[in-house]
Each structure stands twice: as structure tokens, then as C-alpha cells.
Amino acid sequence: MTTSIPRIKAVILDYGEVLCLCPKQEQLLRMANLFGISADEFATLYEKNRRAYDRGDLTPERYWFAFADQPGISLSANQIPRLRAWDVETWSDLNPAMVKWLESVHLGGFKTALLSNMHADMVAKVRGEIDWIKHIDVAVLSHEVKLVKPEATIYEYCLAGLETLPQETLFIDDREVNVTAADALGIRAVHFESVVQLRSQLQKIGFPIVPKQPAQEEACRDLASRTTM
């Protein structure tokens, strides 16, 4: 006896490097240069306390001053507003193919959710993007709910908002650890690498709406690789 796979009723999307494009090398380098450190050092420090920052455990000041806890690195208070603005700018270039796909999915009758680890400055930015956020039924942003991926509770919170079962829900994220956590809960998770790759994955599972293939696309690389001098 075979068991049929439940129909997908909702799609959960990550923001960073899914709905928005990869950070540009020059955007990351200018932050590294402000600290006077190498790209690899910056990448390590940038990630070190990021979940705590996105959850709201750290203020912007404490997050950025933590860089200066390392020997040989200094930072003045008047540089923090610049870093905060640059950080938001780094994650503000939308991926037009994915935003258009989100719109198509929503208009196609599927519930949609945004599930993202996002600090207060980025929350303010995204909440103001009314031209695409209107296609999101449920927005679960880490700073607002004081939870972060890959904690199971944040996925469960999102599912509750969507009112769908895990097996009825498709989750798309660029980080393998987040995809693995979703999969462990029974959510039908896809690791996002590129629009072309996502098209292929959606076609394999029989999802009826796929993103249009972009004319050209550069796959994202990890933060350290992108900031290599």
C-alpha cells in the first residue's frame, strides 16, 4: 500500500540570499576595512554573535563593539551608525526573479510566509518594503519573536501562523543547517543555491509554479569567500 504525499498548501521563504541577492564584495570589504582587519577575520567576527544579535539579545552597540574585544581591533561609538547603515544596505538588493515568484505563488492561492533571522534595523527595512511584503501572509522575524533558526520553536511558530501541517509546507533557505532543522520537523525543505537550481528542485517535487529562469545568475558563495581581498 502506498501513501500519497500531501499537497503543498504553503511556502515559507528565507530572506537573506533568497529573496535578496548576495552581498557585494565591495559592501563587505568596506566594513572589514573600517576595522582594519582581513576579510577572513571580518567574516569570522561577523558570524560569531549574529544569532544573538538577530534574536535581540544584543544591542547594535554591543554587537559591533564585540569586534573590538579582539586584540588589535578598535572601534569608536561614532562609527557604529555607519556600520548599521552599511549592514542594512548589504542585505537590501532584492532578487527580482524570487520576488516575482513569491508574487506568483501568493496570487496562485498558496499561503506564504517569511521566516528570517533578522535584527531590528533589517526588520524596519523589510517592514517598509510594502511593494512585496503584501504578498506575505505570515512574517516571522527573529528579533520580533525572540527566536532564531535553526531552533525548532521558530519553525513551529511559523507553521502555527500559517495553520498548515509540516508535510503541507515547503521551506526554502540558503543555509543547510536551517534546511536540516526544517526537514527534521517534517517540513518539505529545499536548500536554495540559485534560481535555476530551485526551478529544478520544484519541478522534481511537482510544485506547479516555478520561478522564471534568469538571463544570467551568479551563485552565492560563503561570506569568507566573498570578502577575500
Protein backbone atom coordinates (compact mmCIF):
# COMPACT_ATOMS: atom_id res chain seq x y z
CA MET A 1 0.00 0.00 0.00
CA THR A 2 1.44 3.37 -0.98
CA THR A 3 0.92 6.59 0.93
CA SER A 4 0.29 9.71 -1.13
CA ILE A 5 2.32 12.82 -0.40
CA PRO A 6 0.12 15.64 0.99
CA ARG A 7 -0.43 18.60 -1.32
CA ILE A 8 1.65 21.65 -0.52
CA LYS A 9 -0.54 24.43 0.81
CA ALA A 10 2.05 26.98 1.93
CA VAL A 11 5.54 28.19 1.09
CA ILE A 12 7.97 29.58 3.66
CA LEU A 13 10.83 31.69 2.32
CA ASP A 14 14.03 32.88 3.91
CA TYR A 15 15.09 36.47 3.18
CA GLY A 16 18.89 36.71 3.06
CA GLU A 17 20.35 35.35 -0.20
CA VAL A 18 16.94 34.00 -1.21
CA LEU A 19 14.61 36.99 -1.58
CA CYS A 20 17.60 39.31 -1.60
CA LEU A 21 20.79 39.00 -3.59
CA CYS A 22 24.19 38.05 -2.22
CA PRO A 23 26.15 40.88 -0.59
CA LYS A 24 28.50 42.59 -2.98
CA GLN A 25 32.19 42.14 -2.30
CA GLU A 26 32.79 45.88 -2.02
CA GLN A 27 29.99 46.26 0.54
CA LEU A 28 31.59 43.69 2.83
CA LEU A 29 35.12 44.94 2.28
CA ARG A 30 34.32 48.48 3.38
CA MET A 31 33.16 47.15 6.76
CA ALA A 32 36.26 45.00 7.10
CA ASN A 33 38.45 47.97 6.16
CA LEU A 34 36.82 50.15 8.82
CA PHE A 35 38.08 47.70 11.43
CA GLY A 36 41.45 47.41 9.72
CA ILE A 37 41.22 43.63 9.58
CA SER A 38 41.41 40.99 6.88
CA ALA A 39 38.38 39.70 5.07
CA ASP A 40 38.64 36.31 6.77
CA GLU A 41 38.82 37.90 10.23
CA PHE A 42 35.81 40.06 9.47
CA ALA A 43 33.78 37.09 8.23
CA THR A 44 34.51 35.16 11.43
CA LEU A 45 33.60 38.07 13.71
CA TYR A 46 30.52 38.96 11.68
CA GLU A 47 29.07 35.48 12.20
CA LYS A 48 30.25 34.96 15.79
CA ASN A 49 27.41 36.78 17.58
CA ARG A 50 24.98 37.10 14.68
CA ARG A 51 22.27 34.83 16.03
CA ALA A 52 22.28 36.64 19.37
CA TYR A 53 22.05 39.97 17.52
CA ASP A 54 19.23 38.74 15.28
CA ARG A 55 17.34 37.37 18.31
CA GLY A 56 17.62 40.73 20.06
CA ASP A 57 19.91 39.53 22.84
CA LEU A 58 22.48 42.13 21.83
CA THR A 59 22.02 45.81 21.08
CA PRO A 60 23.63 47.11 17.89
CA GLU A 61 26.30 48.77 20.02
CA ARG A 62 27.17 45.55 21.84
CA TYR A 63 27.21 43.55 18.62
CA TRP A 64 29.61 45.87 16.82
CA PHE A 65 31.75 46.64 19.89
CA ALA A 66 32.27 42.88 20.28
CA PHE A 67 34.53 43.10 17.22
CA ALA A 68 36.80 45.36 19.25
CA ASP A 69 37.04 42.77 22.03
CA GLN A 70 39.68 41.12 19.84
CA PRO A 71 43.31 42.23 20.31
CA GLY A 72 44.41 44.90 17.88
CA ILE A 73 40.91 45.97 16.81
CA SER A 74 39.44 49.30 17.81
CA LEU A 75 36.08 50.96 17.23
CA SER A 76 34.65 54.33 18.27
CA ALA A 77 30.99 54.95 19.10
CA ASN A 78 30.58 57.41 16.24
CA GLN A 79 31.42 54.66 13.72
CA ILE A 80 28.52 52.41 14.76
CA PRO A 81 25.74 54.32 12.92
CA ARG A 82 27.77 53.96 9.73
CA LEU A 83 28.21 50.22 10.27
CA ARG A 84 24.50 49.78 10.96
CA ALA A 85 23.56 51.62 7.78
CA TRP A 86 26.10 49.70 5.72
CA ASP A 87 24.90 46.40 7.16
CA VAL A 88 21.30 47.11 6.12
CA GLU A 89 22.43 48.24 2.69
CA THR A 90 24.36 44.99 2.27
CA TRP A 91 21.12 42.99 2.53
CA SER A 92 18.81 45.34 0.64
CA ASP A 93 19.28 44.33 -3.00
CA LEU A 94 16.22 42.26 -3.83
CA ASN A 95 16.37 39.25 -6.11
CA PRO A 96 13.82 40.20 -8.80
CA ALA A 97 13.27 36.63 -10.00
CA MET A 98 12.49 35.41 -6.49
CA VAL A 99 10.29 38.38 -5.58
CA LYS A 100 8.29 37.83 -8.76
CA TRP A 101 7.99 34.13 -7.94
CA LEU A 102 6.75 34.98 -4.44
CA GLU A 103 4.06 37.15 -6.01
CA SER A 104 3.06 34.36 -8.40
CA VAL A 105 2.89 31.80 -5.59
CA HIS A 106 0.72 34.08 -3.47
CA LEU A 107 -1.61 35.00 -6.33
CA GLY A 108 -1.73 31.31 -7.21
CA GLY A 109 -3.60 30.60 -3.99
CA PHE A 110 -0.81 29.35 -1.75
CA LYS A 111 -0.23 30.73 1.73
CA THR A 112 3.15 32.41 2.07
CA ALA A 113 5.46 33.14 4.97
CA LEU A 114 8.72 34.96 5.53
CA LEU A 115 10.93 33.23 8.11
CA SER A 116 14.19 35.05 8.68
CA ASN A 117 16.88 35.70 11.25
CA MET A 118 16.81 39.47 11.20
CA HIS A 119 17.97 42.20 13.60
CA ALA A 120 15.91 45.30 14.41
CA ASP A 121 17.41 47.53 11.70
CA MET A 122 16.64 44.98 8.98
CA VAL A 123 13.15 44.36 10.39
CA ALA A 124 12.42 48.08 9.99
CA LYS A 125 13.75 47.98 6.42
CA VAL A 126 11.76 44.91 5.39
CA ARG A 127 8.55 46.01 7.10
CA GLY A 128 8.78 49.15 4.98
CA GLU A 129 9.03 47.23 1.69
CA ILE A 130 5.29 47.39 1.05
CA ASP A 131 5.67 46.66 -2.66
CA TRP A 132 6.47 42.98 -1.95
CA ILE A 133 5.67 42.36 1.70
CA LYS A 134 1.96 42.48 0.76
CA HIS A 135 2.46 39.03 -0.77
CA ILE A 136 3.46 37.62 2.63
CA ASP A 137 0.66 36.19 4.77
CA VAL A 138 2.82 35.47 7.83
CA ALA A 139 6.11 37.21 8.69
CA VAL A 140 8.18 35.58 11.43
CA LEU A 141 11.25 37.73 12.04
CA SER A 142 13.66 36.64 14.74
CA HIS A 143 14.02 40.00 16.51
CA GLU A 144 10.24 40.29 16.90
CA VAL A 145 9.67 36.77 18.26
CA LYS A 146 13.00 36.40 20.15
CA LEU A 147 13.71 33.09 18.40
CA VAL A 148 16.19 32.19 15.66
CA LYS A 149 16.68 29.47 13.08
CA PRO A 150 17.60 26.66 13.41
CA GLU A 151 15.69 26.46 16.72
CA ALA A 152 12.69 24.18 16.25
CA THR A 153 10.38 26.61 18.04
CA ILE A 154 10.62 29.28 15.37
CA TYR A 155 9.52 26.84 12.65
CA GLU A 156 6.62 25.69 14.83
CA TYR A 157 5.67 29.33 15.42
CA CYS A 158 5.59 29.90 11.66
CA LEU A 159 3.53 26.77 11.00
CA ALA A 160 1.02 27.87 13.63
CA GLY A 161 0.65 31.20 11.87
CA LEU A 162 0.11 29.51 8.52
CA GLU A 163 -2.22 26.91 10.05
CA THR A 164 -0.62 24.17 7.97
CA LEU A 165 0.94 20.83 8.81
CA PRO A 166 4.70 20.39 8.28
CA GLN A 167 4.18 17.97 5.38
CA GLU A 168 1.88 20.51 3.69
CA THR A 169 4.53 23.20 3.86
CA LEU A 170 7.50 23.95 1.61
CA PHE A 171 10.51 25.72 3.16
CA ILE A 172 13.28 27.38 1.14
CA ASP A 173 16.52 28.58 2.74
CA ASP A 174 20.11 29.09 1.63
CA ARG A 175 21.69 27.63 4.78
CA GLU A 176 21.98 23.89 5.06
CA VAL A 177 21.68 23.94 8.87
CA ASN A 178 18.28 25.66 8.60
CA VAL A 179 17.10 23.25 5.92
CA THR A 180 18.15 20.26 8.04
CA ALA A 181 16.26 21.62 11.05
CA ALA A 182 13.10 22.12 9.00
CA ASP A 183 13.40 18.66 7.50
CA ALA A 184 13.69 17.15 10.99
CA LEU A 185 10.26 18.60 11.79
CA GLY A 186 8.72 17.02 8.70
CA ILE A 187 8.67 20.22 6.65
CA ARG A 188 9.42 19.72 2.95
CA ALA A 189 12.65 21.68 2.82
CA VAL A 190 14.74 22.81 -0.15
CA HIS A 191 18.28 24.13 0.08
CA PHE A 192 18.40 27.25 -2.12
CA GLU A 193 21.55 27.71 -4.19
CA SER A 194 20.26 29.60 -7.22
CA VAL A 195 17.05 30.36 -9.08
CA VAL A 196 17.98 27.80 -11.75
CA GLN A 197 18.61 25.12 -9.12
CA LEU A 198 15.35 25.97 -7.33
CA ARG A 199 13.42 25.63 -10.60
CA SER A 200 14.83 22.14 -11.00
CA GLN A 201 14.00 21.15 -7.42
CA LEU A 202 10.43 22.44 -7.67
CA GLN A 203 9.88 20.60 -10.93
CA LYS A 204 11.12 17.38 -9.32
CA ILE A 205 8.60 17.60 -6.50
CA GLY A 206 5.82 18.66 -8.85
CA PHE A 207 5.23 22.15 -7.47
CA PRO A 208 3.03 23.89 -10.06
CA ILE A 209 4.62 27.36 -10.01
CA VAL A 210 8.33 27.78 -10.72
CA PRO A 211 10.43 30.95 -10.98
CA LYS A 212 11.36 32.19 -14.41
CA GLN A 213 14.88 31.35 -15.43
CA PRO A 214 17.08 34.48 -15.21
CA ALA A 215 19.19 35.53 -18.18
CA GLN A 216 22.27 35.08 -16.04
CA GLU A 217 22.90 34.27 -12.42
CA GLU A 218 25.92 34.02 -10.14
CA ALA A 219 25.67 31.52 -7.33
CA CYS A 220 26.25 32.85 -3.83
CA ARG A 221 29.41 31.89 -2.02
CA ASP A 222 30.05 31.88 1.69
CA LEU A 223 30.83 35.15 3.45
CA ALA A 224 34.53 34.45 3.81
CA SER A 225 34.92 33.67 0.10
CA ARG A 226 33.00 36.78 -0.91
CA THR A 227 35.21 39.03 1.19
CA THR A 228 38.56 37.64 0.05
CA MET A 229 40.84 40.57 -0.77
